Amino acid sequence: MRKLVVIFHSSFKKQYKKLRAGERERCDARLLLFEQNSFHPLLDNHPLIGEYAGFWSINIGGDLRAVYEFVDIDTVRFVDVYTHSNLYGK
């Protein structure tokens, strides 16, 4: 089985830096879990629709979500991390 390669877009890095310390720790833990098992139930990994069609989302904890896209079959790029309401509206 191939290992999933995870990369980060500059917009993700910018939003990540704005997170509080505890939120960054949760994000780091969930991203590690994602690398180990991208469909672990805690992640609530699911495809998005509408404006974000073609992207996927995982739950970071609380109201935080991380949005990613597949670059190819073995590589994903995280493009944003933000609150659910700020990413998707109400």
N, C-alpha and C. Protein backbone atom coordinates (compact mmCIF):
# COMPACT_ATOMS: atom_id res chain seq x y z
N MET A 1 0.84 -1.18 0.00
CA MET A 1 0.00 0.00 0.00
C MET A 1 0.89 1.25 0.00
N ARG A 2 0.54 2.21 -0.86
CA ARG A 2 1.31 3.44 -0.95
C ARG A 2 0.96 4.38 0.18
N LYS A 3 1.94 5.17 0.59
CA LYS A 3 1.71 6.17 1.62
C LYS A 3 1.15 7.43 0.97
N LEU A 4 0.13 7.99 1.58
CA LEU A 4 -0.48 9.21 1.11
C LEU A 4 0.46 10.38 1.36
N VAL A 5 0.68 11.19 0.33
CA VAL A 5 1.51 12.38 0.45
C VAL A 5 0.59 13.57 0.72
N VAL A 6 0.90 14.31 1.78
CA VAL A 6 0.09 15.46 2.15
C VAL A 6 0.94 16.72 1.98
N ILE A 7 0.40 17.67 1.20
CA ILE A 7 1.08 18.95 1.01
C ILE A 7 0.12 20.07 1.41
N PHE A 8 0.65 21.26 1.58
CA PHE A 8 -0.16 22.38 2.08
C PHE A 8 -0.02 23.59 1.17
N HIS A 9 -1.15 24.12 0.75
CA HIS A 9 -1.20 25.33 -0.05
C HIS A 9 -0.85 26.52 0.85
N SER A 10 -0.36 27.59 0.26
CA SER A 10 0.01 28.78 1.04
C SER A 10 -1.18 29.36 1.80
N SER A 11 -2.39 29.24 1.25
CA SER A 11 -3.57 29.76 1.96
C SER A 11 -3.84 28.95 3.23
N PHE A 12 -3.61 27.64 3.19
CA PHE A 12 -3.75 26.82 4.39
C PHE A 12 -2.73 27.25 5.43
N LYS A 13 -1.48 27.42 5.01
CA LYS A 13 -0.42 27.81 5.95
C LYS A 13 -0.73 29.15 6.60
N LYS A 14 -1.27 30.08 5.82
CA LYS A 14 -1.61 31.41 6.34
C LYS A 14 -2.71 31.31 7.40
N GLN A 15 -3.76 30.54 7.12
CA GLN A 15 -4.85 30.38 8.08
C GLN A 15 -4.39 29.60 9.31
N TYR A 16 -3.53 28.60 9.11
CA TYR A 16 -3.01 27.79 10.21
C TYR A 16 -2.28 28.67 11.21
N LYS A 17 -1.50 29.61 10.72
CA LYS A 17 -0.74 30.51 11.61
C LYS A 17 -1.67 31.37 12.45
N LYS A 18 -2.89 31.62 11.99
CA LYS A 18 -3.85 32.45 12.73
C LYS A 18 -4.59 31.68 13.82
N LEU A 19 -4.48 30.35 13.81
CA LEU A 19 -5.17 29.55 14.81
C LEU A 19 -4.53 29.75 16.19
N ARG A 20 -5.35 29.60 17.22
CA ARG A 20 -4.81 29.63 18.58
C ARG A 20 -3.99 28.36 18.81
N ALA A 21 -3.13 28.39 19.82
CA ALA A 21 -2.21 27.27 20.09
C ALA A 21 -2.96 25.94 20.22
N GLY A 22 -4.05 25.92 20.96
CA GLY A 22 -4.81 24.68 21.13
C GLY A 22 -5.42 24.19 19.83
N GLU A 23 -5.86 25.12 19.01
CA GLU A 23 -6.43 24.76 17.71
C GLU A 23 -5.35 24.18 16.80
N ARG A 24 -4.15 24.75 16.85
CA ARG A 24 -3.04 24.21 16.04
C ARG A 24 -2.69 22.80 16.49
N GLU A 25 -2.69 22.57 17.81
CA GLU A 25 -2.40 21.23 18.33
C GLU A 25 -3.44 20.22 17.85
N ARG A 26 -4.74 20.59 17.92
CA ARG A 26 -5.80 19.72 17.42
C ARG A 26 -5.66 19.47 15.93
N CYS A 27 -5.32 20.53 15.21
CA CYS A 27 -5.14 20.41 13.76
C CYS A 27 -4.01 19.44 13.45
N ASP A 28 -2.89 19.60 14.15
CA ASP A 28 -1.74 18.71 13.94
C ASP A 28 -2.12 17.25 14.21
N ALA A 29 -2.86 17.03 15.30
CA ALA A 29 -3.27 15.67 15.66
C ALA A 29 -4.20 15.08 14.61
N ARG A 30 -5.15 15.87 14.11
CA ARG A 30 -6.08 15.37 13.11
C ARG A 30 -5.39 15.14 11.76
N LEU A 31 -4.43 15.98 11.42
CA LEU A 31 -3.69 15.77 10.17
C LEU A 31 -2.85 14.50 10.25
N LEU A 32 -2.28 14.23 11.42
CA LEU A 32 -1.54 12.99 11.61
C LEU A 32 -2.47 11.79 11.48
N LEU A 33 -3.64 11.88 12.10
CA LEU A 33 -4.63 10.82 11.97
C LEU A 33 -5.04 10.64 10.51
N PHE A 34 -5.22 11.75 9.79
CA PHE A 34 -5.56 11.71 8.38
C PHE A 34 -4.50 10.94 7.58
N GLU A 35 -3.23 11.20 7.88
CA GLU A 35 -2.15 10.50 7.17
C GLU A 35 -2.17 9.01 7.46
N GLN A 36 -2.56 8.63 8.68
CA GLN A 36 -2.59 7.23 9.07
C GLN A 36 -3.84 6.51 8.56
N ASN A 37 -4.98 7.22 8.58
CA ASN A 37 -6.25 6.62 8.17
C ASN A 37 -7.17 7.76 7.75
N SER A 38 -7.15 8.09 6.48
CA SER A 38 -7.85 9.29 6.00
C SER A 38 -9.38 9.21 6.16
N PHE A 39 -9.91 8.03 6.42
CA PHE A 39 -11.35 7.92 6.63
C PHE A 39 -11.70 7.46 8.04
N HIS A 40 -10.86 7.78 8.99
CA HIS A 40 -11.16 7.50 10.39
C HIS A 40 -12.45 8.23 10.76
N PRO A 41 -13.35 7.60 11.51
CA PRO A 41 -14.63 8.23 11.83
C PRO A 41 -14.52 9.61 12.50
N LEU A 42 -13.50 9.84 13.30
CA LEU A 42 -13.33 11.14 13.95
C LEU A 42 -13.18 12.29 12.95
N LEU A 43 -12.70 11.97 11.76
CA LEU A 43 -12.43 13.02 10.77
C LEU A 43 -13.69 13.47 10.02
N ASP A 44 -14.71 12.64 10.00
CA ASP A 44 -15.92 12.94 9.23
C ASP A 44 -15.54 13.41 7.81
N ASN A 45 -14.67 12.67 7.18
CA ASN A 45 -14.15 13.00 5.85
C ASN A 45 -15.27 12.87 4.82
N HIS A 46 -15.50 13.95 4.06
CA HIS A 46 -16.59 13.89 3.07
C HIS A 46 -16.34 14.88 1.93
N PRO A 47 -16.87 14.55 0.75
CA PRO A 47 -16.75 15.46 -0.39
C PRO A 47 -17.69 16.64 -0.21
N LEU A 48 -17.31 17.76 -0.78
CA LEU A 48 -18.11 18.98 -0.68
C LEU A 48 -18.88 19.22 -1.96
N ILE A 49 -19.88 20.07 -1.87
CA ILE A 49 -20.71 20.40 -3.03
C ILE A 49 -20.75 21.92 -3.19
N GLY A 50 -21.43 22.36 -4.21
CA GLY A 50 -21.59 23.80 -4.42
C GLY A 50 -20.29 24.46 -4.78
N GLU A 51 -20.02 25.58 -4.14
CA GLU A 51 -18.81 26.37 -4.41
C GLU A 51 -17.53 25.55 -4.23
N TYR A 52 -17.58 24.56 -3.33
CA TYR A 52 -16.40 23.74 -3.04
C TYR A 52 -16.46 22.36 -3.71
N ALA A 53 -17.27 22.20 -4.73
CA ALA A 53 -17.34 20.92 -5.45
C ALA A 53 -15.94 20.53 -5.93
N GLY A 54 -15.58 19.27 -5.74
CA GLY A 54 -14.25 18.79 -6.11
C GLY A 54 -13.28 18.79 -4.94
N PHE A 55 -13.70 19.39 -3.82
CA PHE A 55 -12.87 19.42 -2.62
C PHE A 55 -13.49 18.49 -1.57
N TRP A 56 -12.71 18.17 -0.57
CA TRP A 56 -13.12 17.33 0.54
C TRP A 56 -12.88 18.08 1.84
N SER A 57 -13.54 17.66 2.91
CA SER A 57 -13.40 18.32 4.20
C SER A 57 -13.22 17.29 5.31
N ILE A 58 -12.39 17.66 6.29
CA ILE A 58 -12.28 16.85 7.51
C ILE A 58 -12.55 17.75 8.71
N ASN A 59 -13.03 17.12 9.77
CA ASN A 59 -13.31 17.82 11.02
C ASN A 59 -12.02 17.91 11.83
N ILE A 60 -11.68 19.13 12.21
CA ILE A 60 -10.50 19.34 13.06
C ILE A 60 -10.90 19.30 14.52
N GLY A 61 -12.11 19.71 14.81
CA GLY A 61 -12.59 19.73 16.18
C GLY A 61 -13.37 21.00 16.41
N GLY A 62 -14.39 20.91 17.22
CA GLY A 62 -15.25 22.07 17.41
C GLY A 62 -15.84 22.48 16.09
N ASP A 63 -15.69 23.75 15.75
CA ASP A 63 -16.23 24.28 14.50
C ASP A 63 -15.20 24.31 13.38
N LEU A 64 -13.97 23.86 13.64
CA LEU A 64 -12.91 23.94 12.63
C LEU A 64 -12.98 22.81 11.62
N ARG A 65 -12.75 23.18 10.36
CA ARG A 65 -12.69 22.22 9.26
C ARG A 65 -11.44 22.49 8.44
N ALA A 66 -10.90 21.44 7.86
CA ALA A 66 -9.79 21.58 6.92
C ALA A 66 -10.28 21.07 5.56
N VAL A 67 -10.02 21.85 4.53
CA VAL A 67 -10.47 21.53 3.18
C VAL A 67 -9.26 21.12 2.34
N TYR A 68 -9.44 20.03 1.59
CA TYR A 68 -8.34 19.55 0.75
C TYR A 68 -8.86 19.11 -0.61
N GLU A 69 -7.90 18.91 -1.51
CA GLU A 69 -8.20 18.40 -2.84
C GLU A 69 -7.18 17.33 -3.19
N PHE A 70 -7.59 16.44 -4.08
CA PHE A 70 -6.65 15.43 -4.58
C PHE A 70 -5.84 16.04 -5.71
N VAL A 71 -4.51 15.95 -5.58
CA VAL A 71 -3.62 16.38 -6.66
C VAL A 71 -3.47 15.23 -7.65
N ASP A 72 -3.31 14.04 -7.12
CA ASP A 72 -3.33 12.80 -7.89
C ASP A 72 -3.74 11.69 -6.93
N ILE A 73 -3.65 10.46 -7.36
CA ILE A 73 -4.16 9.35 -6.54
C ILE A 73 -3.43 9.19 -5.21
N ASP A 74 -2.18 9.63 -5.13
CA ASP A 74 -1.38 9.47 -3.92
C ASP A 74 -1.10 10.76 -3.17
N THR A 75 -1.61 11.89 -3.66
CA THR A 75 -1.25 13.18 -3.09
C THR A 75 -2.49 14.04 -2.87
N VAL A 76 -2.59 14.62 -1.67
CA VAL A 76 -3.64 15.58 -1.38
C VAL A 76 -3.00 16.90 -0.97
N ARG A 77 -3.71 17.98 -1.28
CA ARG A 77 -3.23 19.32 -0.91
C ARG A 77 -4.30 19.98 -0.05
N PHE A 78 -3.95 20.30 1.20
CA PHE A 78 -4.85 21.04 2.06
C PHE A 78 -4.79 22.50 1.65
N VAL A 79 -5.98 23.07 1.42
CA VAL A 79 -6.05 24.43 0.87
C VAL A 79 -6.59 25.45 1.86
N ASP A 80 -7.29 25.02 2.91
CA ASP A 80 -7.85 25.98 3.85
C ASP A 80 -8.16 25.30 5.17
N VAL A 81 -8.10 26.07 6.23
CA VAL A 81 -8.56 25.63 7.55
C VAL A 81 -9.25 26.82 8.18
N TYR A 82 -10.50 26.62 8.55
CA TYR A 82 -11.32 27.73 8.99
C TYR A 82 -12.53 27.18 9.74
N THR A 83 -13.33 28.05 10.30
CA THR A 83 -14.55 27.58 10.94
C THR A 83 -15.55 27.14 9.88
N HIS A 84 -16.41 26.23 10.27
CA HIS A 84 -17.42 25.72 9.36
C HIS A 84 -18.26 26.86 8.77
N SER A 85 -18.69 27.78 9.62
CA SER A 85 -19.55 28.86 9.14
C SER A 85 -18.82 29.81 8.21
N ASN A 86 -17.54 30.07 8.45
CA ASN A 86 -16.78 30.96 7.56
C ASN A 86 -16.45 30.30 6.23
N LEU A 87 -16.27 28.99 6.23
CA LEU A 87 -15.99 28.30 4.97
C LEU A 87 -17.23 28.15 4.11
N TYR A 88 -18.32 27.74 4.73
CA TYR A 88 -19.48 27.33 3.96
C TYR A 88 -20.70 28.22 4.11
N GLY A 89 -20.58 29.29 4.87
CA GLY A 89 -21.77 30.09 5.15
C GLY A 89 -22.51 29.47 6.31
N LYS A 90 -23.74 29.74 6.44
CA LYS A 90 -24.51 29.24 7.60
C LYS A 90 -24.77 27.81 7.43
